[in-house]
Amino acid sequence: MKALIIRLGQLGDVVLTTSVIEHLYEQNYEIHYLTRKPFDEIFFQDYRVKKVFIYGKVSLFELLKENYDLVLDLHSKIKTIILSKLISPFHSKTYNKRIIERRLTLIFKKPFNKLRIYEMYNEVVKSNKKPKIIINSEPIIKGDYIVINPTARYPSRIYRHYDKLDELLNKIGIKKVYIGTESDLHFLKDFKFSGINLIGKTTIREMLNIVKYAKLFIGNDSGITHIASAFNVPSIVFFGPTVLSFGFEPFCDKYYVFEIKNLPCRPCSLHGEKPCKRKDYACLSWIEPELVFEKVLEML
């Protein structure tokens, strides 16, 4: 049997689909994957995925020639729904992204969804697996270290006191490794990192390696947080304009979420893409770095 999974991006979403990959692999499917660059790097050492196709580089004719027994659209946009039906009109499935429940949460400020995103993906194949990333490389960074991801796609999702937290972490005597995308630094561009600053300096493969061997992960509601969970790295995560019921709660065995509950403006947008109407970013600026530092000491 042969299956094609379609998920074009973003980084965290592609990582979360590995729960479905794990299930299909155990069901003896030959698994192919359609995504965008550079997300194909996630599967470079993944023995479960036989072929990775790059969207825009592979033709519909090439995909039709594969004669798939199952096509899973885990992107659920009009273009991917149409594409999946063209590839296999009778054996394609699309996941339910709970958009109505998420919008109700946005309107009424109450949770209407209890599932994580990867569990929504799992519904398509009736699985209970967790996301899992396969890499076999030796650690790039030797010794014990904390990974900190102070970046996010939208500036409203970034914790406001990374500078003060950075100073507090110096008291521990453990290496700090900062990772992320240079373009996503936003207002933190003038932040002077006292640890190892690898923001914008790694490939996705290198980033996976660095996260895998960390003693602790600290970050925002972003794709790299899902990488940490997929490697079961203990995590401390900040949620501000978004909320857990949107489906992006960590799923590692040990994690702690910092959020200011009962703020009447939370959530303010589905992805944290809108600027703060209050102008003070209370949901993230009210989280005291001293409290975060205490949690770090507790989890190390």
C-alpha atoms as a PDB file:
ATOM      1  CA  MET A   1       0.000   0.000   0.000  1.00  0.00           C
ATOM      2  CA  LYS A   2       1.150   3.516  -0.800  1.00  0.00           C
ATOM      3  CA  ALA A   3       0.103   6.807   0.852  1.00  0.00           C
ATOM      4  CA  LEU A   4       0.753  10.478   0.104  1.00  0.00           C
ATOM      5  CA  ILE A   5       0.617  13.118   2.843  1.00  0.00           C
ATOM      6  CA  ILE A   6       0.135  16.746   1.787  1.00  0.00           C
ATOM      7  CA  ARG A   7       1.219  19.505   4.173  1.00  0.00           C
ATOM      8  CA  LEU A   8       2.886  22.495   2.541  1.00  0.00           C
ATOM      9  CA  GLY A   9       3.911  24.406   5.687  1.00  0.00           C
ATOM     10  CA  GLN A  10       4.582  25.911   8.193  1.00  0.00           C
ATOM     11  CA  LEU A  11       7.456  24.290  10.111  1.00  0.00           C
ATOM     12  CA  GLY A  12       5.472  23.383  13.215  1.00  0.00           C
ATOM     13  CA  ASP A  13       2.523  22.056  11.228  1.00  0.00           C
ATOM     14  CA  VAL A  14       4.755  19.747   9.204  1.00  0.00           C
ATOM     15  CA  VAL A  15       6.330  18.464  12.425  1.00  0.00           C
ATOM     16  CA  LEU A  16       2.903  17.731  13.884  1.00  0.00           C
ATOM     17  CA  THR A  17       1.961  15.539  10.900  1.00  0.00           C
ATOM     18  CA  THR A  18       4.639  13.041  11.946  1.00  0.00           C
ATOM     19  CA  SER A  19       2.033  11.472  14.258  1.00  0.00           C
ATOM     20  CA  VAL A  20       0.208  10.330  11.103  1.00  0.00           C
ATOM     21  CA  ILE A  21       3.497   9.198   9.544  1.00  0.00           C
ATOM     22  CA  GLU A  22       4.178   7.015  12.591  1.00  0.00           C
ATOM     23  CA  HIS A  23       0.727   5.419  12.332  1.00  0.00           C
ATOM     24  CA  LEU A  24       0.928   4.742   8.586  1.00  0.00           C
ATOM     25  CA  TYR A  25       4.420   3.299   8.925  1.00  0.00           C
ATOM     26  CA  GLU A  26       3.159   0.809  11.495  1.00  0.00           C
ATOM     27  CA  GLN A  27       0.368  -0.075   9.063  1.00  0.00           C
ATOM     28  CA  ASN A  28       3.048  -0.966   6.455  1.00  0.00           C
ATOM     29  CA  TYR A  29       2.323   1.911   4.095  1.00  0.00           C
ATOM     30  CA  GLU A  30       4.980   3.194   1.753  1.00  0.00           C
ATOM     31  CA  ILE A  31       4.825   6.870   2.682  1.00  0.00           C
ATOM     32  CA  HIS A  32       5.410   9.812   0.344  1.00  0.00           C
ATOM     33  CA  TYR A  33       5.214  13.455   1.399  1.00  0.00           C
ATOM     34  CA  LEU A  34       4.418  16.665  -0.506  1.00  0.00           C
ATOM     35  CA  THR A  35       5.648  19.910   1.064  1.00  0.00           C
ATOM     36  CA  ARG A  36       7.569  23.117   0.371  1.00  0.00           C
ATOM     37  CA  LYS A  37      11.242  23.808   0.858  1.00  0.00           C
ATOM     38  CA  PRO A  38      12.952  23.893   3.302  1.00  0.00           C
ATOM     39  CA  PHE A  39      10.565  21.651   5.242  1.00  0.00           C
ATOM     40  CA  ASP A  40      11.769  18.601   3.314  1.00  0.00           C
ATOM     41  CA  GLU A  41      14.857  18.737   5.569  1.00  0.00           C
ATOM     42  CA  ILE A  42      12.738  17.340   8.398  1.00  0.00           C
ATOM     43  CA  PHE A  43      12.672  13.986   6.601  1.00  0.00           C
ATOM     44  CA  PHE A  44      16.297  13.664   5.433  1.00  0.00           C
ATOM     45  CA  GLN A  45      17.013  10.823   7.898  1.00  0.00           C
ATOM     46  CA  ASP A  46      13.458   9.600   8.358  1.00  0.00           C
ATOM     47  CA  TYR A  47      13.339   5.916   7.379  1.00  0.00           C
ATOM     48  CA  ARG A  48       9.524   6.043   7.472  1.00  0.00           C
ATOM     49  CA  VAL A  49       9.248   8.411   4.477  1.00  0.00           C
ATOM     50  CA  LYS A  50      10.301   6.889   1.151  1.00  0.00           C
ATOM     51  CA  LYS A  51       9.899   9.981  -1.082  1.00  0.00           C
ATOM     52  CA  VAL A  52       9.535  13.725  -0.500  1.00  0.00           C
ATOM     53  CA  PHE A  53       8.090  15.849  -3.308  1.00  0.00           C
ATOM     54  CA  ILE A  54       8.501  19.629  -3.434  1.00  0.00           C
ATOM     55  CA  TYR A  55       5.371  21.619  -4.196  1.00  0.00           C
ATOM     56  CA  GLY A  56       5.857  23.570  -7.408  1.00  0.00           C
ATOM     57  CA  LYS A  57       8.650  21.253  -8.541  1.00  0.00           C
ATOM     58  CA  VAL A  58       6.645  18.068  -9.047  1.00  0.00           C
ATOM     59  CA  SER A  59       3.940  17.726 -11.710  1.00  0.00           C
ATOM     60  CA  LEU A  60       0.447  16.353 -11.253  1.00  0.00           C
ATOM     61  CA  PHE A  61       1.324  13.710 -13.857  1.00  0.00           C
ATOM     62  CA  GLU A  62       4.219  12.467 -11.706  1.00  0.00           C
ATOM     63  CA  LEU A  63       1.958  12.165  -8.688  1.00  0.00           C
ATOM     64  CA  LEU A  64      -0.750  10.383 -10.679  1.00  0.00           C
ATOM     65  CA  LYS A  65       1.808   7.795 -11.807  1.00  0.00           C
ATOM     66  CA  GLU A  66       2.343   6.736  -8.192  1.00  0.00           C
ATOM     67  CA  ASN A  67      -1.188   5.233  -8.012  1.00  0.00           C
ATOM     68  CA  TYR A  68      -1.737   6.034  -4.350  1.00  0.00           C
ATOM     69  CA  ASP A  69      -4.028   3.902  -2.203  1.00  0.00           C
ATOM     70  CA  LEU A  70      -4.483   6.823   0.185  1.00  0.00           C
ATOM     71  CA  VAL A  71      -4.008  10.594  -0.114  1.00  0.00           C
ATOM     72  CA  LEU A  72      -4.193  12.652   3.068  1.00  0.00           C
ATOM     73  CA  ASP A  73      -4.655  16.404   2.787  1.00  0.00           C
ATOM     74  CA  LEU A  74      -3.419  17.689   6.142  1.00  0.00           C
ATOM     75  CA  HIS A  75      -3.260  21.267   4.901  1.00  0.00           C
ATOM     76  CA  SER A  76      -6.979  21.683   4.252  1.00  0.00           C
ATOM     77  CA  LYS A  77      -6.936  24.678   1.941  1.00  0.00           C
ATOM     78  CA  ILE A  78      -8.937  24.885  -1.282  1.00  0.00           C
ATOM     79  CA  LYS A  79      -5.872  24.250  -3.460  1.00  0.00           C
ATOM     80  CA  THR A  80      -4.765  21.174  -1.493  1.00  0.00           C
ATOM     81  CA  ILE A  81      -8.291  19.773  -1.280  1.00  0.00           C
ATOM     82  CA  ILE A  82      -8.605  20.056  -5.072  1.00  0.00           C
ATOM     83  CA  LEU A  83      -5.124  18.612  -5.570  1.00  0.00           C
ATOM     84  CA  SER A  84      -5.814  15.614  -3.349  1.00  0.00           C
ATOM     85  CA  LYS A  85      -9.063  14.893  -5.236  1.00  0.00           C
ATOM     86  CA  LEU A  86      -7.274  15.125  -8.585  1.00  0.00           C
ATOM     87  CA  ILE A  87      -4.594  12.687  -7.442  1.00  0.00           C
ATOM     88  CA  SER A  88      -7.052  10.200  -5.982  1.00  0.00           C
ATOM     89  CA  PRO A  89     -10.751  11.117  -6.207  1.00  0.00           C
ATOM     90  CA  PHE A  90     -11.930   8.003  -4.331  1.00  0.00           C
ATOM     91  CA  HIS A  91      -9.156   7.538  -1.775  1.00  0.00           C
ATOM     92  CA  SER A  92      -8.412  11.064  -0.514  1.00  0.00           C
ATOM     93  CA  LYS A  93      -9.223  12.482   2.908  1.00  0.00           C
ATOM     94  CA  THR A  94      -8.999  15.982   4.398  1.00  0.00           C
ATOM     95  CA  TYR A  95      -8.687  16.828   8.075  1.00  0.00           C
ATOM     96  CA  ASN A  96     -11.200  18.936   9.974  1.00  0.00           C
ATOM     97  CA  LYS A  97      -9.281  21.995  11.212  1.00  0.00           C
ATOM     98  CA  ARG A  98     -12.064  23.027  13.639  1.00  0.00           C
ATOM     99  CA  ILE A  99     -12.156  26.526  12.189  1.00  0.00           C
ATOM    100  CA  ILE A 100     -15.692  27.172  13.527  1.00  0.00           C
ATOM    101  CA  GLU A 101     -14.719  26.154  17.077  1.00  0.00           C
ATOM    102  CA  ARG A 102     -11.591  28.288  16.929  1.00  0.00           C
ATOM    103  CA  ARG A 103     -13.518  31.329  15.715  1.00  0.00           C
ATOM    104  CA  LEU A 104     -16.101  30.846  18.458  1.00  0.00           C
ATOM    105  CA  THR A 105     -13.243  30.869  20.952  1.00  0.00           C
ATOM    106  CA  LEU A 106     -12.030  34.110  19.383  1.00  0.00           C
ATOM    107  CA  ILE A 107     -15.474  35.709  19.665  1.00  0.00           C
ATOM    108  CA  PHE A 108     -16.610  34.460  23.084  1.00  0.00           C
ATOM    109  CA  LYS A 109     -13.166  34.072  24.743  1.00  0.00           C
ATOM    110  CA  LYS A 110     -14.050  30.554  25.873  1.00  0.00           C
ATOM    111  CA  PRO A 111     -12.555  27.228  24.696  1.00  0.00           C
ATOM    112  CA  PHE A 112     -14.689  25.372  22.166  1.00  0.00           C
ATOM    113  CA  ASN A 113     -12.030  22.863  21.095  1.00  0.00           C
ATOM    114  CA  LYS A 114     -10.311  20.204  23.206  1.00  0.00           C
ATOM    115  CA  LEU A 115      -8.046  18.663  20.587  1.00  0.00           C
ATOM    116  CA  ARG A 116      -4.434  19.468  19.782  1.00  0.00           C
ATOM    117  CA  ILE A 117      -3.639  19.975  16.101  1.00  0.00           C
ATOM    118  CA  TYR A 118      -1.850  16.635  15.792  1.00  0.00           C
ATOM    119  CA  GLU A 119      -4.923  14.924  17.266  1.00  0.00           C
ATOM    120  CA  MET A 120      -7.011  16.545  14.534  1.00  0.00           C
ATOM    121  CA  TYR A 121      -4.591  15.093  11.992  1.00  0.00           C
ATOM    122  CA  ASN A 122      -4.882  11.717  13.711  1.00  0.00           C
ATOM    123  CA  GLU A 123      -8.659  11.701  13.319  1.00  0.00           C
ATOM    124  CA  VAL A 124      -8.213  11.197   9.578  1.00  0.00           C
ATOM    125  CA  VAL A 125      -6.544   7.803  10.090  1.00  0.00           C
ATOM    126  CA  LYS A 126      -7.978   6.950  13.532  1.00  0.00           C
ATOM    127  CA  SER A 127      -4.608   7.079  15.251  1.00  0.00           C
ATOM    128  CA  ASN A 128      -3.463   7.879  18.790  1.00  0.00           C
ATOM    129  CA  LYS A 129       0.217   8.413  18.006  1.00  0.00           C
ATOM    130  CA  LYS A 130       2.229  11.474  19.031  1.00  0.00           C
ATOM    131  CA  PRO A 131       4.486  13.394  16.626  1.00  0.00           C
ATOM    132  CA  LYS A 132       7.981  11.949  16.397  1.00  0.00           C
ATOM    133  CA  ILE A 133      11.016  13.224  14.469  1.00  0.00           C
ATOM    134  CA  ILE A 134      13.757  10.868  13.298  1.00  0.00           C
ATOM    135  CA  ILE A 135      17.357  12.078  13.234  1.00  0.00           C
ATOM    136  CA  ASN A 136      20.491  10.030  13.895  1.00  0.00           C
ATOM    137  CA  SER A 137      23.277  12.638  13.937  1.00  0.00           C
ATOM    138  CA  GLU A 138      25.608  13.176  16.895  1.00  0.00           C
ATOM    139  CA  PRO A 139      25.156  16.366  18.989  1.00  0.00           C
ATOM    140  CA  ILE A 140      26.461  19.506  17.317  1.00  0.00           C
ATOM    141  CA  ILE A 141      26.848  21.208  20.699  1.00  0.00           C
ATOM    142  CA  LYS A 142      28.655  19.249  23.390  1.00  0.00           C
ATOM    143  CA  GLY A 143      27.668  19.216  27.045  1.00  0.00           C
ATOM    144  CA  ASP A 144      24.482  20.356  28.770  1.00  0.00           C
ATOM    145  CA  TYR A 145      22.628  23.391  27.477  1.00  0.00           C
ATOM    146  CA  ILE A 146      19.267  25.174  27.374  1.00  0.00           C
ATOM    147  CA  VAL A 147      17.695  26.064  24.032  1.00  0.00           C
ATOM    148  CA  ILE A 148      15.880  29.396  23.864  1.00  0.00           C
ATOM    149  CA  ASN A 149      13.739  30.431  20.907  1.00  0.00           C
ATOM    150  CA  PRO A 150      12.941  34.156  21.326  1.00  0.00           C
ATOM    151  CA  THR A 151      11.529  34.550  17.811  1.00  0.00           C
ATOM    152  CA  ALA A 152       8.059  34.126  16.345  1.00  0.00           C
ATOM    153  CA  ARG A 153       6.344  34.658  13.026  1.00  0.00           C
ATOM    154  CA  TYR A 154       4.350  37.550  14.503  1.00  0.00           C
ATOM    155  CA  PRO A 155       5.808  40.042  17.009  1.00  0.00           C
ATOM    156  CA  SER A 156       2.690  39.861  19.185  1.00  0.00           C
ATOM    157  CA  ARG A 157       3.613  36.265  20.133  1.00  0.00           C
ATOM    158  CA  ILE A 158       7.047  37.124  21.553  1.00  0.00           C
ATOM    159  CA  TYR A 159       7.609  37.155  25.316  1.00  0.00           C
ATOM    160  CA  ARG A 160       8.568  40.681  26.361  1.00  0.00           C
ATOM    161  CA  HIS A 161      11.330  39.989  28.924  1.00  0.00           C
ATOM    162  CA  TYR A 162      13.885  37.763  27.236  1.00  0.00           C
ATOM    163  CA  ASP A 163      16.607  40.303  28.081  1.00  0.00           C
ATOM    164  CA  LYS A 164      15.945  40.073  31.832  1.00  0.00           C
ATOM    165  CA  LEU A 165      15.516  36.300  31.658  1.00  0.00           C
ATOM    166  CA  ASP A 166      18.855  36.074  29.874  1.00  0.00           C
ATOM    167  CA  GLU A 167      20.565  37.837  32.797  1.00  0.00           C
ATOM    168  CA  LEU A 168      18.898  35.568  35.349  1.00  0.00           C
ATOM    169  CA  LEU A 169      19.900  32.422  33.481  1.00  0.00           C
ATOM    170  CA  ASN A 170      23.558  33.446  33.776  1.00  0.00           C
ATOM    171  CA  LYS A 171      23.325  32.470  37.454  1.00  0.00           C
ATOM    172  CA  ILE A 172      22.849  28.806  36.610  1.00  0.00           C
ATOM    173  CA  GLY A 173      26.143  28.202  34.842  1.00  0.00           C
ATOM    174  CA  ILE A 174      24.629  26.163  32.018  1.00  0.00           C
ATOM    175  CA  LYS A 175      25.106  27.029  28.349  1.00  0.00           C
ATOM    176  CA  LYS A 176      22.351  28.990  26.628  1.00  0.00           C
ATOM    177  CA  VAL A 177      21.787  28.410  22.931  1.00  0.00           C
ATOM    178  CA  TYR A 178      19.536  30.841  21.060  1.00  0.00           C
ATOM    179  CA  ILE A 179      17.919  29.571  17.875  1.00  0.00           C
ATOM    180  CA  GLY A 180      15.281  30.854  15.485  1.00  0.00           C
ATOM    181  CA  THR A 181      14.758  32.722  12.260  1.00  0.00           C
ATOM    182  CA  GLU A 182      16.541  36.050  11.842  1.00  0.00           C
ATOM    183  CA  SER A 183      13.553  37.550  10.022  1.00  0.00           C
ATOM    184  CA  ASP A 184      11.312  36.683  12.995  1.00  0.00           C
ATOM    185  CA  LEU A 185      13.283  38.569  15.641  1.00  0.00           C
ATOM    186  CA  HIS A 186      11.144  41.702  15.247  1.00  0.00           C
ATOM    187  CA  PHE A 187      11.589  44.110  18.165  1.00  0.00           C
ATOM    188  CA  LEU A 188      14.309  41.916  19.738  1.00  0.00           C
ATOM    189  CA  LYS A 189      16.848  42.837  17.051  1.00  0.00           C
ATOM    190  CA  ASP A 190      18.785  44.995  19.539  1.00  0.00           C
ATOM    191  CA  PHE A 191      18.807  42.285  22.218  1.00  0.00           C
ATOM    192  CA  LYS A 192      22.415  41.414  23.163  1.00  0.00           C
ATOM    193  CA  PHE A 193      22.537  37.635  23.516  1.00  0.00           C
ATOM    194  CA  SER A 194      24.972  36.507  26.203  1.00  0.00           C
ATOM    195  CA  GLY A 195      24.791  32.862  25.166  1.00  0.00           C
ATOM    196  CA  ILE A 196      25.504  31.109  21.880  1.00  0.00           C
ATOM    197  CA  ASN A 197      23.546  33.064  19.274  1.00  0.00           C
ATOM    198  CA  LEU A 198      22.586  30.814  16.354  1.00  0.00           C
ATOM    199  CA  ILE A 199      19.496  32.751  15.291  1.00  0.00           C
ATOM    200  CA  GLY A 200      19.326  32.725  11.513  1.00  0.00           C
ATOM    201  CA  LYS A 201      22.575  30.730  11.329  1.00  0.00           C
ATOM    202  CA  THR A 202      21.343  27.135  11.126  1.00  0.00           C
ATOM    203  CA  THR A 203      19.592  24.903   8.647  1.00  0.00           C
ATOM    204  CA  ILE A 204      16.442  23.133   9.765  1.00  0.00           C
ATOM    205  CA  ARG A 205      18.489  19.930  10.123  1.00  0.00           C
ATOM    206  CA  GLU A 206      20.961  21.658  12.430  1.00  0.00           C
ATOM    207  CA  MET A 207      18.107  23.204  14.387  1.00  0.00           C
ATOM    208  CA  LEU A 208      16.538  19.775  14.907  1.00  0.00           C
ATOM    209  CA  ASN A 209      19.840  18.421  16.210  1.00  0.00           C
ATOM    210  CA  ILE A 210      20.301  21.332  18.632  1.00  0.00           C
ATOM    211  CA  VAL A 211      16.784  20.996  20.054  1.00  0.00           C
ATOM    212  CA  LYS A 212      16.965  17.196  20.342  1.00  0.00           C
ATOM    213  CA  TYR A 213      19.876  17.176  22.764  1.00  0.00           C
ATOM    214  CA  ALA A 214      18.822  20.145  24.933  1.00  0.00           C
ATOM    215  CA  LYS A 215      18.160  19.751  28.657  1.00  0.00           C
ATOM    216  CA  LEU A 216      15.345  22.304  28.483  1.00  0.00           C
ATOM    217  CA  PHE A 217      13.520  24.355  25.860  1.00  0.00           C
ATOM    218  CA  ILE A 218      12.163  27.884  26.417  1.00  0.00           C
ATOM    219  CA  GLY A 219      10.132  29.588  23.719  1.00  0.00           C
ATOM    220  CA  ASN A 220       7.002  31.220  22.368  1.00  0.00           C
ATOM    221  CA  ASP A 221       3.958  29.678  20.728  1.00  0.00           C
ATOM    222  CA  SER A 222       5.867  28.810  17.550  1.00  0.00           C
ATOM    223  CA  GLY A 223       6.932  25.931  15.315  1.00  0.00           C
ATOM    224  CA  ILE A 224      10.164  25.243  17.193  1.00  0.00           C
ATOM    225  CA  THR A 225       8.103  24.540  20.316  1.00  0.00           C
ATOM    226  CA  HIS A 226       6.538  21.589  18.470  1.00  0.00           C
ATOM    227  CA  ILE A 227      10.007  20.318  17.556  1.00  0.00           C
ATOM    228  CA  ALA A 228      10.900  20.297  21.250  1.00  0.00           C
ATOM    229  CA  SER A 229       7.730  18.362  22.083  1.00  0.00           C
ATOM    230  CA  ALA A 230       8.367  15.872  19.271  1.00  0.00           C
ATOM    231  CA  PHE A 231      11.773  15.133  20.850  1.00  0.00           C
ATOM    232  CA  ASN A 232      10.161  15.033  24.313  1.00  0.00           C
ATOM    233  CA  VAL A 233      12.386  17.858  25.564  1.00  0.00           C
ATOM    234  CA  PRO A 234      11.062  19.474  28.785  1.00  0.00           C
ATOM    235  CA  SER A 235       9.595  22.829  27.757  1.00  0.00           C
ATOM    236  CA  ILE A 236       8.576  26.223  29.101  1.00  0.00           C
ATOM    237  CA  VAL A 237       6.302  28.027  26.647  1.00  0.00           C
ATOM    238  CA  PHE A 238       4.709  31.495  26.566  1.00  0.00           C
ATOM    239  CA  PHE A 239       1.161  31.945  25.253  1.00  0.00           C
ATOM    240  CA  GLY A 240      -0.082  35.490  24.774  1.00  0.00           C
ATOM    241  CA  PRO A 241      -2.529  36.475  22.010  1.00  0.00           C
ATOM    242  CA  THR A 242      -3.249  32.790  21.288  1.00  0.00           C
ATOM    243  CA  VAL A 243      -4.649  30.173  23.656  1.00  0.00           C
ATOM    244  CA  LEU A 244      -4.168  26.453  24.236  1.00  0.00           C
ATOM    245  CA  SER A 245      -7.583  25.522  22.855  1.00  0.00           C
ATOM    246  CA  PHE A 246      -6.450  26.601  19.386  1.00  0.00           C
ATOM    247  CA  GLY A 247      -4.618  23.263  19.419  1.00  0.00           C
ATOM    248  CA  PHE A 248      -0.953  24.159  19.856  1.00  0.00           C
ATOM    249  CA  GLU A 249      -0.424  23.102  23.467  1.00  0.00           C
ATOM    250  CA  PRO A 250       2.900  21.266  24.008  1.00  0.00           C
ATOM    251  CA  PHE A 251       2.659  17.487  24.215  1.00  0.00           C
ATOM    252  CA  CYS A 252       5.984  16.434  25.737  1.00  0.00           C
ATOM    253  CA  ASP A 253       5.894  14.601  29.075  1.00  0.00           C
ATOM    254  CA  LYS A 254       7.073  17.604  31.074  1.00  0.00           C
ATOM    255  CA  TYR A 255       6.092  21.164  30.213  1.00  0.00           C
ATOM    256  CA  TYR A 256       4.813  24.384  31.730  1.00  0.00           C
ATOM    257  CA  VAL A 257       2.776  27.081  29.981  1.00  0.00           C
ATOM    258  CA  PHE A 258       3.021  30.691  31.118  1.00  0.00           C
ATOM    259  CA  GLU A 259      -0.081  32.716  30.281  1.00  0.00           C
ATOM    260  CA  ILE A 260      -2.093  35.525  31.853  1.00  0.00           C
ATOM    261  CA  LYS A 261      -5.480  33.942  32.306  1.00  0.00           C
ATOM    262  CA  ASN A 262      -8.786  35.811  32.418  1.00  0.00           C
ATOM    263  CA  LEU A 263      -7.563  38.735  30.359  1.00  0.00           C
ATOM    264  CA  PRO A 264     -10.772  39.845  28.588  1.00  0.00           C
ATOM    265  CA  CYS A 265      -8.902  40.453  25.321  1.00  0.00           C
ATOM    266  CA  ARG A 266      -7.447  36.909  25.024  1.00  0.00           C
ATOM    267  CA  PRO A 267      -7.411  35.458  22.440  1.00  0.00           C
ATOM    268  CA  CYS A 268      -7.215  38.462  20.136  1.00  0.00           C
ATOM    269  CA  SER A 269      -6.479  36.665  16.854  1.00  0.00           C
ATOM    270  CA  LEU A 270      -6.254  33.124  15.495  1.00  0.00           C
ATOM    271  CA  HIS A 271      -2.495  33.199  14.925  1.00  0.00           C
ATOM    272  CA  GLY A 272      -1.378  36.180  16.997  1.00  0.00           C
ATOM    273  CA  GLU A 273      -0.988  38.198  13.814  1.00  0.00           C
ATOM    274  CA  LYS A 274      -2.685  41.394  14.997  1.00  0.00           C
ATOM    275  CA  PRO A 275      -0.973  44.165  16.992  1.00  0.00           C
ATOM    276  CA  CYS A 276      -2.044  44.635  20.599  1.00  0.00           C
ATOM    277  CA  LYS A 277      -5.094  46.893  20.909  1.00  0.00           C
ATOM    278  CA  ARG A 278      -4.110  47.682  24.492  1.00  0.00           C
ATOM    279  CA  LYS A 279      -0.642  48.746  23.285  1.00  0.00           C
ATOM    280  CA  ASP A 280       1.019  47.223  26.388  1.00  0.00           C
ATOM    281  CA  TYR A 281       1.040  43.522  25.378  1.00  0.00           C
ATOM    282  CA  ALA A 282      -0.199  42.637  28.866  1.00  0.00           C
ATOM    283  CA  CYS A 283      -0.601  38.951  28.007  1.00  0.00           C
ATOM    284  CA  LEU A 284       3.180  38.606  27.677  1.00  0.00           C
ATOM    285  CA  SER A 285       4.623  41.641  29.490  1.00  0.00           C
ATOM    286  CA  TRP A 286       2.880  40.758  32.772  1.00  0.00           C
ATOM    287  CA  ILE A 287       4.727  37.428  33.028  1.00  0.00           C
ATOM    288  CA  GLU A 288       7.570  38.224  35.444  1.00  0.00           C
ATOM    289  CA  PRO A 289      10.990  36.866  34.398  1.00  0.00           C
ATOM    290  CA  GLU A 290      11.731  35.945  38.033  1.00  0.00           C
ATOM    291  CA  LEU A 291       8.810  33.504  37.965  1.00  0.00           C
ATOM    292  CA  VAL A 292      10.077  32.018  34.721  1.00  0.00           C
ATOM    293  CA  PHE A 293      13.551  31.635  36.237  1.00  0.00           C
ATOM    294  CA  GLU A 294      12.105  29.771  39.238  1.00  0.00           C
ATOM    295  CA  LYS A 295      10.347  27.383  36.865  1.00  0.00           C
ATOM    296  CA  VAL A 296      13.608  26.839  34.974  1.00  0.00           C
ATOM    297  CA  LEU A 297      15.371  25.851  38.207  1.00  0.00           C
ATOM    298  CA  GLU A 298      12.505  23.499  39.044  1.00  0.00           C
ATOM    299  CA  MET A 299      12.554  21.756  35.651  1.00  0.00           C
ATOM    300  CA  LEU A 300      16.303  21.370  35.178  1.00  0.00           C
END
